[in-house]
Amino acid sequence: MGYAVGSQGLGDACAGSKSLINGSSYEIAPIRSALDRGWAVAISDYEGLGTPGMHTYVVNRSLGHAVLDSVRAAVRASGTALDTHAPVLLWGYSEGGGAAAAASLQP
């Protein structure tokens, strides 16, 4: 599953990975639900959020690519048993909803 996180702010400290690591994310429940089903979950902070550069807040094309790139990276990571031909679910809330929708429109 490509999970697209919602808006938590524009500063680097607001990256989804930061709130997931410290347990303060409001998105832990749906992610845990997917993991409990045995699904692999790939999550992106999006371009420029938590990394150098400007965050591409609600720039759907960029957000969609980030979501798909996280899924591609997860599938290609060594040591996983992920099938490159398995179906991919895209799931998101708030800004992540737009990101997931944009990802579904990418070729």
PDB file of N, CA and C in Angstrom:
ATOM      1  N   MET A   1       0.844  -1.168   0.000  1.00  0.00           N
ATOM      2  CA  MET A   1       0.000   0.000   0.000  1.00  0.00           C
ATOM      3  C   MET A   1       0.889   1.230   0.000  1.00  0.00           C
ATOM      4  N   GLY A   2       0.587   2.166  -0.872  1.00  0.00           N
ATOM      5  CA  GLY A   2       1.230   3.465  -0.836  1.00  0.00           C
ATOM      6  C   GLY A   2       0.377   4.366   0.030  1.00  0.00           C
ATOM      7  N   TYR A   3       0.850   4.665   1.226  1.00  0.00           N
ATOM      8  CA  TYR A   3       0.088   5.511   2.147  1.00  0.00           C
ATOM      9  C   TYR A   3       0.566   6.948   2.012  1.00  0.00           C
ATOM     10  N   ALA A   4      -0.352   7.832   1.682  1.00  0.00           N
ATOM     11  CA  ALA A   4      -0.042   9.248   1.490  1.00  0.00           C
ATOM     12  C   ALA A   4      -0.494  10.022   2.729  1.00  0.00           C
ATOM     13  N   VAL A   5       0.469  10.533   3.477  1.00  0.00           N
ATOM     14  CA  VAL A   5       0.147  11.231   4.728  1.00  0.00           C
ATOM     15  C   VAL A   5      -0.512  12.569   4.456  1.00  0.00           C
ATOM     16  N   GLY A   6      -1.302  12.994   5.410  1.00  0.00           N
ATOM     17  CA  GLY A   6      -1.973  14.285   5.329  1.00  0.00           C
ATOM     18  C   GLY A   6      -1.099  15.413   5.838  1.00  0.00           C
ATOM     19  N   SER A   7      -1.603  16.609   5.685  1.00  0.00           N
ATOM     20  CA  SER A   7      -0.881  17.816   6.103  1.00  0.00           C
ATOM     21  C   SER A   7      -0.669  17.827   7.612  1.00  0.00           C
ATOM     22  N   GLN A   8       0.563  18.097   7.996  1.00  0.00           N
ATOM     23  CA  GLN A   8       0.893  18.250   9.408  1.00  0.00           C
ATOM     24  C   GLN A   8       1.600  19.575   9.633  1.00  0.00           C
ATOM     25  N   GLY A   9       1.877  20.282   8.557  1.00  0.00           N
ATOM     26  CA  GLY A   9       2.573  21.565   8.596  1.00  0.00           C
ATOM     27  C   GLY A   9       3.585  21.624   7.479  1.00  0.00           C
ATOM     28  N   LEU A  10       4.180  22.798   7.289  1.00  0.00           N
ATOM     29  CA  LEU A  10       5.115  22.991   6.187  1.00  0.00           C
ATOM     30  C   LEU A  10       6.582  22.898   6.598  1.00  0.00           C
ATOM     31  N   GLY A  11       6.867  22.930   7.878  1.00  0.00           N
ATOM     32  CA  GLY A  11       8.253  22.848   8.345  1.00  0.00           C
ATOM     33  C   GLY A  11       8.771  21.428   8.323  1.00  0.00           C
ATOM     34  N   ASP A  12      10.088  21.299   8.246  1.00  0.00           N
ATOM     35  CA  ASP A  12      10.701  19.968   8.214  1.00  0.00           C
ATOM     36  C   ASP A  12      10.308  19.117   9.421  1.00  0.00           C
ATOM     37  N   ALA A  13      10.092  19.761  10.562  1.00  0.00           N
ATOM     38  CA  ALA A  13       9.709  19.016  11.761  1.00  0.00           C
ATOM     39  C   ALA A  13       8.307  18.419  11.636  1.00  0.00           C
ATOM     40  N   CYS A  14       7.550  18.848  10.626  1.00  0.00           N
ATOM     41  CA  CYS A  14       6.188  18.364  10.418  1.00  0.00           C
ATOM     42  C   CYS A  14       6.114  17.199   9.433  1.00  0.00           C
ATOM     43  N   ALA A  15       7.247  16.706   8.985  1.00  0.00           N
ATOM     44  CA  ALA A  15       7.258  15.572   8.061  1.00  0.00           C
ATOM     45  C   ALA A  15       6.557  14.385   8.711  1.00  0.00           C
ATOM     46  N   GLY A  16       5.778  13.656   7.911  1.00  0.00           N
ATOM     47  CA  GLY A  16       5.052  12.505   8.439  1.00  0.00           C
ATOM     48  C   GLY A  16       5.934  11.503   9.149  1.00  0.00           C
ATOM     49  N   SER A  17       7.137  11.303   8.638  1.00  0.00           N
ATOM     50  CA  SER A  17       8.047  10.346   9.275  1.00  0.00           C
ATOM     51  C   SER A  17       8.408  10.769  10.690  1.00  0.00           C
ATOM     52  N   LYS A  18       8.489  12.065  10.933  1.00  0.00           N
ATOM     53  CA  LYS A  18       8.836  12.553  12.283  1.00  0.00           C
ATOM     54  C   LYS A  18       7.731  12.190  13.271  1.00  0.00           C
ATOM     55  N   SER A  19       6.457  12.451  12.887  1.00  0.00           N
ATOM     56  CA  SER A  19       5.366  12.165  13.822  1.00  0.00           C
ATOM     57  C   SER A  19       5.112  10.664  13.959  1.00  0.00           C
ATOM     58  N   LEU A  20       5.417   9.892  12.927  1.00  0.00           N
ATOM     59  CA  LEU A  20       5.276   8.443  13.039  1.00  0.00           C
ATOM     60  C   LEU A  20       6.315   7.873  13.989  1.00  0.00           C
ATOM     61  N   ILE A  21       7.529   8.393  13.901  1.00  0.00           N
ATOM     62  CA  ILE A  21       8.609   7.887  14.764  1.00  0.00           C
ATOM     63  C   ILE A  21       8.333   8.191  16.226  1.00  0.00           C
ATOM     64  N   ASN A  22       7.832   9.416  16.494  1.00  0.00           N
ATOM     65  CA  ASN A  22       7.625   9.766  17.906  1.00  0.00           C
ATOM     66  C   ASN A  22       6.237   9.390  18.418  1.00  0.00           C
ATOM     67  N   GLY A  23       5.414   8.764  17.555  1.00  0.00           N
ATOM     68  CA  GLY A  23       4.116   8.258  17.987  1.00  0.00           C
ATOM     69  C   GLY A  23       3.022   9.298  18.087  1.00  0.00           C
ATOM     70  N   SER A  24       3.225  10.488  17.535  1.00  0.00           N
ATOM     71  CA  SER A  24       2.216  11.537  17.655  1.00  0.00           C
ATOM     72  C   SER A  24       1.336  11.688  16.415  1.00  0.00           C
ATOM     73  N   SER A  25       1.515  10.847  15.421  1.00  0.00           N
ATOM     74  CA  SER A  25       0.746  10.973  14.184  1.00  0.00           C
ATOM     75  C   SER A  25      -0.701  10.548  14.382  1.00  0.00           C
ATOM     76  N   TYR A  26      -1.617  11.322  13.823  1.00  0.00           N
ATOM     77  CA  TYR A  26      -3.027  10.942  13.850  1.00  0.00           C
ATOM     78  C   TYR A  26      -3.317   9.844  12.832  1.00  0.00           C
ATOM     79  N   GLU A  27      -2.313   9.425  12.075  1.00  0.00           N
ATOM     80  CA  GLU A  27      -2.525   8.431  11.026  1.00  0.00           C
ATOM     81  C   GLU A  27      -2.016   7.044  11.399  1.00  0.00           C
ATOM     82  N   ILE A  28      -1.647   6.863  12.629  1.00  0.00           N
ATOM     83  CA  ILE A  28      -1.129   5.565  13.059  1.00  0.00           C
ATOM     84  C   ILE A  28      -2.191   4.466  12.925  1.00  0.00           C
ATOM     85  N   ALA A  29      -3.444   4.761  13.250  1.00  0.00           N
ATOM     86  CA  ALA A  29      -4.496   3.730  13.224  1.00  0.00           C
ATOM     87  C   ALA A  29      -4.693   3.121  11.833  1.00  0.00           C
ATOM     88  N   PRO A  30      -4.857   3.905  10.762  1.00  0.00           N
ATOM     89  CA  PRO A  30      -5.036   3.256   9.459  1.00  0.00           C
ATOM     90  C   PRO A  30      -3.788   2.514   8.984  1.00  0.00           C
ATOM     91  N   ILE A  31      -2.618   3.033   9.337  1.00  0.00           N
ATOM     92  CA  ILE A  31      -1.378   2.352   8.956  1.00  0.00           C
ATOM     93  C   ILE A  31      -1.266   1.018   9.698  1.00  0.00           C
ATOM     94  N   ARG A  32      -1.558   1.042  10.984  1.00  0.00           N
ATOM     95  CA  ARG A  32      -1.531  -0.193  11.779  1.00  0.00           C
ATOM     96  C   ARG A  32      -2.556  -1.205  11.259  1.00  0.00           C
ATOM     97  N   SER A  33      -3.723  -0.725  10.859  1.00  0.00           N
ATOM     98  CA  SER A  33      -4.748  -1.603  10.310  1.00  0.00           C
ATOM     99  C   SER A  33      -4.242  -2.317   9.061  1.00  0.00           C
ATOM    100  N   ALA A  34      -3.564  -1.591   8.191  1.00  0.00           N
ATOM    101  CA  ALA A  34      -3.003  -2.202   6.980  1.00  0.00           C
ATOM    102  C   ALA A  34      -1.927  -3.222   7.336  1.00  0.00           C
ATOM    103  N   LEU A  35      -1.059  -2.872   8.267  1.00  0.00           N
ATOM    104  CA  LEU A  35       0.001  -3.792   8.682  1.00  0.00           C
ATOM    105  C   LEU A  35      -0.582  -5.042   9.330  1.00  0.00           C
ATOM    106  N   ASP A  36      -1.649  -4.863  10.128  1.00  0.00           N
ATOM    107  CA  ASP A  36      -2.301  -6.014  10.760  1.00  0.00           C
ATOM    108  C   ASP A  36      -2.908  -6.962   9.729  1.00  0.00           C
ATOM    109  N   ARG A  37      -3.239  -6.444   8.547  1.00  0.00           N
ATOM    110  CA  ARG A  37      -3.761  -7.278   7.463  1.00  0.00           C
ATOM    111  C   ARG A  37      -2.633  -7.982   6.712  1.00  0.00           C
ATOM    112  N   GLY A  38      -1.404  -7.696   7.080  1.00  0.00           N
ATOM    113  CA  GLY A  38      -0.262  -8.309   6.419  1.00  0.00           C
ATOM    114  C   GLY A  38       0.210  -7.550   5.193  1.00  0.00           C
ATOM    115  N   TRP A  39      -0.278  -6.337   5.003  1.00  0.00           N
ATOM    116  CA  TRP A  39       0.110  -5.541   3.854  1.00  0.00           C
ATOM    117  C   TRP A  39       1.442  -4.840   4.113  1.00  0.00           C
ATOM    118  N   ALA A  40       2.216  -4.674   3.089  1.00  0.00           N
ATOM    119  CA  ALA A  40       3.402  -3.815   3.153  1.00  0.00           C
ATOM    120  C   ALA A  40       2.913  -2.376   2.983  1.00  0.00           C
ATOM    121  N   VAL A  41       3.498  -1.462   3.728  1.00  0.00           N
ATOM    122  CA  VAL A  41       3.092  -0.060   3.670  1.00  0.00           C
ATOM    123  C   VAL A  41       4.310   0.796   3.371  1.00  0.00           C
ATOM    124  N   ALA A  42       4.218   1.575   2.297  1.00  0.00           N
ATOM    125  CA  ALA A  42       5.278   2.521   1.924  1.00  0.00           C
ATOM    126  C   ALA A  42       4.745   3.932   2.134  1.00  0.00           C
ATOM    127  N   ILE A  43       5.565   4.770   2.757  1.00  0.00           N
ATOM    128  CA  ILE A  43       5.137   6.131   3.096  1.00  0.00           C
ATOM    129  C   ILE A  43       6.224   7.113   2.667  1.00  0.00           C
ATOM    130  N   SER A  44       5.804   8.206   2.051  1.00  0.00           N
ATOM    131  CA  SER A  44       6.735   9.258   1.642  1.00  0.00           C
ATOM    132  C   SER A  44       6.460  10.530   2.434  1.00  0.00           C
ATOM    133  N   ASP A  45       7.514  11.279   2.723  1.00  0.00           N
ATOM    134  CA  ASP A  45       7.353  12.606   3.328  1.00  0.00           C
ATOM    135  C   ASP A  45       7.047  13.664   2.273  1.00  0.00           C
ATOM    136  N   TYR A  46       7.146  13.336   1.029  1.00  0.00           N
ATOM    137  CA  TYR A  46       6.974  14.240  -0.108  1.00  0.00           C
ATOM    138  C   TYR A  46       8.242  15.073  -0.330  1.00  0.00           C
ATOM    139  N   GLU A  47       8.333  15.581  -1.509  1.00  0.00           N
ATOM    140  CA  GLU A  47       9.494  16.374  -1.922  1.00  0.00           C
ATOM    141  C   GLU A  47       9.623  17.632  -1.063  1.00  0.00           C
ATOM    142  N   GLY A  48      10.816  17.828  -0.521  1.00  0.00           N
ATOM    143  CA  GLY A  48      11.107  19.039   0.239  1.00  0.00           C
ATOM    144  C   GLY A  48      10.576  19.078   1.651  1.00  0.00           C
ATOM    145  N   LEU A  49       9.942  18.030   2.132  1.00  0.00           N
ATOM    146  CA  LEU A  49       9.444  18.011   3.510  1.00  0.00           C
ATOM    147  C   LEU A  49      10.297  17.026   4.304  1.00  0.00           C
ATOM    148  N   GLY A  50      11.098  17.553   5.190  1.00  0.00           N
ATOM    149  CA  GLY A  50      12.042  16.727   5.929  1.00  0.00           C
ATOM    150  C   GLY A  50      13.359  16.570   5.196  1.00  0.00           C
ATOM    151  N   THR A  51      13.459  17.195   4.037  1.00  0.00           N
ATOM    152  CA  THR A  51      14.675  17.164   3.217  1.00  0.00           C
ATOM    153  C   THR A  51      14.953  18.576   2.721  1.00  0.00           C
ATOM    154  N   PRO A  52      16.138  18.832   2.194  1.00  0.00           N
ATOM    155  CA  PRO A  52      16.419  20.171   1.672  1.00  0.00           C
ATOM    156  C   PRO A  52      15.465  20.555   0.547  1.00  0.00           C
ATOM    157  N   GLY A  53      15.162  21.825   0.455  1.00  0.00           N
ATOM    158  CA  GLY A  53      14.303  22.331  -0.607  1.00  0.00           C
ATOM    159  C   GLY A  53      12.926  22.699  -0.098  1.00  0.00           C
ATOM    160  N   MET A  54      12.157  23.305  -0.970  1.00  0.00           N
ATOM    161  CA  MET A  54      10.804  23.734  -0.629  1.00  0.00           C
ATOM    162  C   MET A  54       9.841  22.547  -0.717  1.00  0.00           C
ATOM    163  N   HIS A  55       8.936  22.496   0.231  1.00  0.00           N
ATOM    164  CA  HIS A  55       7.904  21.461   0.219  1.00  0.00           C
ATOM    165  C   HIS A  55       6.909  21.775  -0.897  1.00  0.00           C
ATOM    166  N   THR A  56       6.501  20.758  -1.610  1.00  0.00           N
ATOM    167  CA  THR A  56       5.577  20.915  -2.735  1.00  0.00           C
ATOM    168  C   THR A  56       4.133  20.759  -2.254  1.00  0.00           C
ATOM    169  N   TYR A  57       3.763  21.553  -1.274  1.00  0.00           N
ATOM    170  CA  TYR A  57       2.444  21.474  -0.646  1.00  0.00           C
ATOM    171  C   TYR A  57       1.339  21.566  -1.692  1.00  0.00           C
ATOM    172  N   VAL A  58       0.505  20.570  -1.726  1.00  0.00           N
ATOM    173  CA  VAL A  58      -0.624  20.396  -2.630  1.00  0.00           C
ATOM    174  C   VAL A  58      -0.292  20.571  -4.118  1.00  0.00           C
ATOM    175  N   VAL A  59       0.948  20.337  -4.496  1.00  0.00           N
ATOM    176  CA  VAL A  59       1.315  20.264  -5.913  1.00  0.00           C
ATOM    177  C   VAL A  59       1.146  18.793  -6.276  1.00  0.00           C
ATOM    178  N   ASN A  60      -0.055  18.480  -6.727  1.00  0.00           N
ATOM    179  CA  ASN A  60      -0.453  17.074  -6.837  1.00  0.00           C
ATOM    180  C   ASN A  60       0.447  16.224  -7.706  1.00  0.00           C
ATOM    181  N   ARG A  61       0.944  16.751  -8.804  1.00  0.00           N
ATOM    182  CA  ARG A  61       1.812  15.941  -9.663  1.00  0.00           C
ATOM    183  C   ARG A  61       3.057  15.492  -8.892  1.00  0.00           C
ATOM    184  N   SER A  62       3.680  16.403  -8.176  1.00  0.00           N
ATOM    185  CA  SER A  62       4.863  16.071  -7.381  1.00  0.00           C
ATOM    186  C   SER A  62       4.512  15.095  -6.258  1.00  0.00           C
ATOM    187  N   LEU A  63       3.408  15.346  -5.565  1.00  0.00           N
ATOM    188  CA  LEU A  63       2.997  14.469  -4.471  1.00  0.00           C
ATOM    189  C   LEU A  63       2.698  13.059  -4.985  1.00  0.00           C
ATOM    190  N   GLY A  64       2.015  12.982  -6.126  1.00  0.00           N
ATOM    191  CA  GLY A  64       1.703  11.676  -6.705  1.00  0.00           C
ATOM    192  C   GLY A  64       2.953  10.896  -7.058  1.00  0.00           C
ATOM    193  N   HIS A  65       3.934  11.583  -7.634  1.00  0.00           N
ATOM    194  CA  HIS A  65       5.204  10.914  -7.954  1.00  0.00           C
ATOM    195  C   HIS A  65       5.894  10.430  -6.679  1.00  0.00           C
ATOM    196  N   ALA A  66       5.850  11.217  -5.617  1.00  0.00           N
ATOM    197  CA  ALA A  66       6.496  10.810  -4.361  1.00  0.00           C
ATOM    198  C   ALA A  66       5.856   9.542  -3.803  1.00  0.00           C
ATOM    199  N   VAL A  67       4.540   9.457  -3.876  1.00  0.00           N
ATOM    200  CA  VAL A  67       3.848   8.261  -3.391  1.00  0.00           C
ATOM    201  C   VAL A  67       4.253   7.041  -4.216  1.00  0.00           C
ATOM    202  N   LEU A  68       4.224   7.190  -5.530  1.00  0.00           N
ATOM    203  CA  LEU A  68       4.605   6.065  -6.390  1.00  0.00           C
ATOM    204  C   LEU A  68       6.074   5.698  -6.222  1.00  0.00           C
ATOM    205  N   ASP A  69       6.933   6.689  -6.067  1.00  0.00           N
ATOM    206  CA  ASP A  69       8.354   6.401  -5.851  1.00  0.00           C
ATOM    207  C   ASP A  69       8.569   5.615  -4.570  1.00  0.00           C
ATOM    208  N   SER A  70       7.789   5.924  -3.514  1.00  0.00           N
ATOM    209  CA  SER A  70       7.947   5.175  -2.261  1.00  0.00           C
ATOM    210  C   SER A  70       7.541   3.722  -2.448  1.00  0.00           C
ATOM    211  N   VAL A  71       6.502   3.479  -3.230  1.00  0.00           N
ATOM    212  CA  VAL A  71       6.074   2.105  -3.505  1.00  0.00           C
ATOM    213  C   VAL A  71       7.130   1.382  -4.344  1.00  0.00           C
ATOM    214  N   ARG A  72       7.629   2.051  -5.373  1.00  0.00           N
ATOM    215  CA  ARG A  72       8.671   1.432  -6.213  1.00  0.00           C
ATOM    216  C   ARG A  72       9.909   1.087  -5.385  1.00  0.00           C
ATOM    217  N   ALA A  73      10.289   1.983  -4.500  1.00  0.00           N
ATOM    218  CA  ALA A  73      11.464   1.739  -3.658  1.00  0.00           C
ATOM    219  C   ALA A  73      11.223   0.546  -2.733  1.00  0.00           C
ATOM    220  N   ALA A  74      10.034   0.467  -2.169  1.00  0.00           N
ATOM    221  CA  ALA A  74       9.726  -0.653  -1.265  1.00  0.00           C
ATOM    222  C   ALA A  74       9.771  -1.980  -2.003  1.00  0.00           C
ATOM    223  N   VAL A  75       9.199  -2.014  -3.192  1.00  0.00           N
ATOM    224  CA  VAL A  75       9.163  -3.256  -3.971  1.00  0.00           C
ATOM    225  C   VAL A  75      10.573  -3.692  -4.376  1.00  0.00           C
ATOM    226  N   ARG A  76      11.422  -2.720  -4.645  1.00  0.00           N
ATOM    227  CA  ARG A  76      12.773  -3.039  -5.120  1.00  0.00           C
ATOM    228  C   ARG A  76      13.795  -3.203  -3.996  1.00  0.00           C
ATOM    229  N   ALA A  77      13.412  -2.924  -2.776  1.00  0.00           N
ATOM    230  CA  ALA A  77      14.356  -3.032  -1.655  1.00  0.00           C
ATOM    231  C   ALA A  77      14.788  -4.482  -1.481  1.00  0.00           C
ATOM    232  N   SER A  78      16.053  -4.667  -1.263  1.00  0.00           N
ATOM    233  CA  SER A  78      16.545  -6.033  -1.080  1.00  0.00           C
ATOM    234  C   SER A  78      16.035  -6.599   0.238  1.00  0.00           C
ATOM    235  N   GLY A  79      15.822  -7.883   0.245  1.00  0.00           N
ATOM    236  CA  GLY A  79      15.383  -8.554   1.460  1.00  0.00           C
ATOM    237  C   GLY A  79      13.878  -8.583   1.650  1.00  0.00           C
ATOM    238  N   THR A  80      13.136  -8.019   0.713  1.00  0.00           N
ATOM    239  CA  THR A  80      11.681  -8.112   0.826  1.00  0.00           C
ATOM    240  C   THR A  80      11.186  -9.204  -0.108  1.00  0.00           C
ATOM    241  N   ALA A  81      10.015  -9.682   0.172  1.00  0.00           N
ATOM    242  CA  ALA A  81       9.404 -10.697  -0.683  1.00  0.00           C
ATOM    243  C   ALA A  81       8.243 -10.085  -1.457  1.00  0.00           C
ATOM    244  N   LEU A  82       8.315  -8.799  -1.713  1.00  0.00           N
ATOM    245  CA  LEU A  82       7.222  -8.126  -2.392  1.00  0.00           C
ATOM    246  C   LEU A  82       7.232  -8.458  -3.883  1.00  0.00           C
ATOM    247  N   ASP A  83       6.071  -8.729  -4.409  1.00  0.00           N
ATOM    248  CA  ASP A  83       5.899  -9.100  -5.808  1.00  0.00           C
ATOM    249  C   ASP A  83       5.753  -7.826  -6.644  1.00  0.00           C
ATOM    250  N   THR A  84       6.597  -7.661  -7.632  1.00  0.00           N
ATOM    251  CA  THR A  84       6.559  -6.461  -8.469  1.00  0.00           C
ATOM    252  C   THR A  84       5.287  -6.393  -9.313  1.00  0.00           C
ATOM    253  N   HIS A  85       4.533  -7.472  -9.389  1.00  0.00           N
ATOM    254  CA  HIS A  85       3.299  -7.490 -10.176  1.00  0.00           C
ATOM    255  C   HIS A  85       2.052  -7.503  -9.295  1.00  0.00           C
ATOM    256  N   ALA A  86       2.227  -7.395  -7.996  1.00  0.00           N
ATOM    257  CA  ALA A  86       1.078  -7.394  -7.083  1.00  0.00           C
ATOM    258  C   ALA A  86       0.309  -6.082  -7.224  1.00  0.00           C
ATOM    259  N   PRO A  87      -0.977  -6.112  -6.974  1.00  0.00           N
ATOM    260  CA  PRO A  87      -1.750  -4.866  -7.015  1.00  0.00           C
ATOM    261  C   PRO A  87      -1.275  -3.914  -5.921  1.00  0.00           C
ATOM    262  N   VAL A  88      -1.439  -2.624  -6.180  1.00  0.00           N
ATOM    263  CA  VAL A  88      -1.038  -1.590  -5.224  1.00  0.00           C
ATOM    264  C   VAL A  88      -2.261  -0.774  -4.850  1.00  0.00           C
ATOM    265  N   LEU A  89      -2.477  -0.631  -3.569  1.00  0.00           N
ATOM    266  CA  LEU A  89      -3.544   0.212  -3.041  1.00  0.00           C
ATOM    267  C   LEU A  89      -2.941   1.564  -2.687  1.00  0.00           C
ATOM    268  N   LEU A  90      -3.610   2.638  -3.042  1.00  0.00           N
ATOM    269  CA  LEU A  90      -3.187   3.989  -2.670  1.00  0.00           C
ATOM    270  C   LEU A  90      -4.209   4.521  -1.679  1.00  0.00           C
ATOM    271  N   TRP A  91      -3.709   5.048  -0.557  1.00  0.00           N
ATOM    272  CA  TRP A  91      -4.608   5.481   0.510  1.00  0.00           C
ATOM    273  C   TRP A  91      -4.058   6.777   1.067  1.00  0.00           C
ATOM    274  N   GLY A  92      -4.928   7.748   1.271  1.00  0.00           N
ATOM    275  CA  GLY A  92      -4.470   9.002   1.835  1.00  0.00           C
ATOM    276  C   GLY A  92      -5.595   9.803   2.448  1.00  0.00           C
ATOM    277  N   TYR A  93      -5.202  10.726   3.299  1.00  0.00           N
ATOM    278  CA  TYR A  93      -6.146  11.593   4.002  1.00  0.00           C
ATOM    279  C   TYR A  93      -5.646  13.027   3.891  1.00  0.00           C
ATOM    280  N   SER A  94      -6.550  13.968   3.735  1.00  0.00           N
ATOM    281  CA  SER A  94      -6.205  15.389   3.655  1.00  0.00           C
ATOM    282  C   SER A  94      -5.292  15.601   2.437  1.00  0.00           C
ATOM    283  N   GLU A  95      -4.152  16.225   2.627  1.00  0.00           N
ATOM    284  CA  GLU A  95      -3.216  16.398   1.513  1.00  0.00           C
ATOM    285  C   GLU A  95      -2.881  15.045   0.894  1.00  0.00           C
ATOM    286  N   GLY A  96      -2.840  14.022   1.721  1.00  0.00           N
ATOM    287  CA  GLY A  96      -2.562  12.674   1.231  1.00  0.00           C
ATOM    288  C   GLY A  96      -3.639  12.124   0.317  1.00  0.00           C
ATOM    289  N   GLY A  97      -4.883  12.563   0.508  1.00  0.00           N
ATOM    290  CA  GLY A  97      -5.953  12.151  -0.398  1.00  0.00           C
ATOM    291  C   GLY A  97      -5.695  12.673  -1.806  1.00  0.00           C
ATOM    292  N   GLY A  98      -5.261  13.936  -1.878  1.00  0.00           N
ATOM    293  CA  GLY A  98      -4.900  14.509  -3.168  1.00  0.00           C
ATOM    294  C   GLY A  98      -3.692  13.816  -3.762  1.00  0.00           C
ATOM    295  N   ALA A  99      -2.733  13.478  -2.905  1.00  0.00           N
ATOM    296  CA  ALA A  99      -1.524  12.797  -3.366  1.00  0.00           C
ATOM    297  C   ALA A  99      -1.862  11.407  -3.910  1.00  0.00           C
ATOM    298  N   ALA A 100      -2.728  10.676  -3.202  1.00  0.00           N
ATOM    299  CA  ALA A 100      -3.115   9.337  -3.647  1.00  0.00           C
ATOM    300  C   ALA A 100      -3.898   9.423  -4.966  1.00  0.00           C
ATOM    301  N   ALA A 101      -4.783  10.406  -5.077  1.00  0.00           N
ATOM    302  CA  ALA A 101      -5.544  10.577  -6.317  1.00  0.00           C
ATOM    303  C   ALA A 101      -4.601  10.922  -7.471  1.00  0.00           C
ATOM    304  N   ALA A 102      -3.652  11.817  -7.223  1.00  0.00           N
ATOM    305  CA  ALA A 102      -2.700  12.188  -8.260  1.00  0.00           C
ATOM    306  C   ALA A 102      -1.840  10.989  -8.661  1.00  0.00           C
ATOM    307  N   ALA A 103      -1.450  10.179  -7.688  1.00  0.00           N
ATOM    308  CA  ALA A 103      -0.652   8.986  -7.987  1.00  0.00           C
ATOM    309  C   ALA A 103      -1.428   8.028  -8.886  1.00  0.00           C
ATOM    310  N   SER A 104      -2.726   7.924  -8.652  1.00  0.00           N
ATOM    311  CA  SER A 104      -3.533   6.995  -9.456  1.00  0.00           C
ATOM    312  C   SER A 104      -3.676   7.459 -10.894  1.00  0.00           C
ATOM    313  N   LEU A 105      -3.385   8.714 -11.186  1.00  0.00           N
ATOM    314  CA  LEU A 105      -3.491   9.260 -12.534  1.00  0.00           C
ATOM    315  C   LEU A 105      -2.175   9.198 -13.299  1.00  0.00           C
ATOM    316  N   GLN A 106      -1.104   8.824 -12.635  1.00  0.00           N
ATOM    317  CA  GLN A 106       0.212   8.773 -13.275  1.00  0.00           C
ATOM    318  C   GLN A 106       0.307   7.547 -14.178  1.00  0.00           C
ATOM    319  N   PRO A 107       1.033   7.666 -15.300  1.00  0.00           N
ATOM    320  CA  PRO A 107       1.185   6.488 -16.178  1.00  0.00           C
ATOM    321  C   PRO A 107       2.021   5.407 -15.521  1.00  0.00           C
TER     322      PRO A 107
END
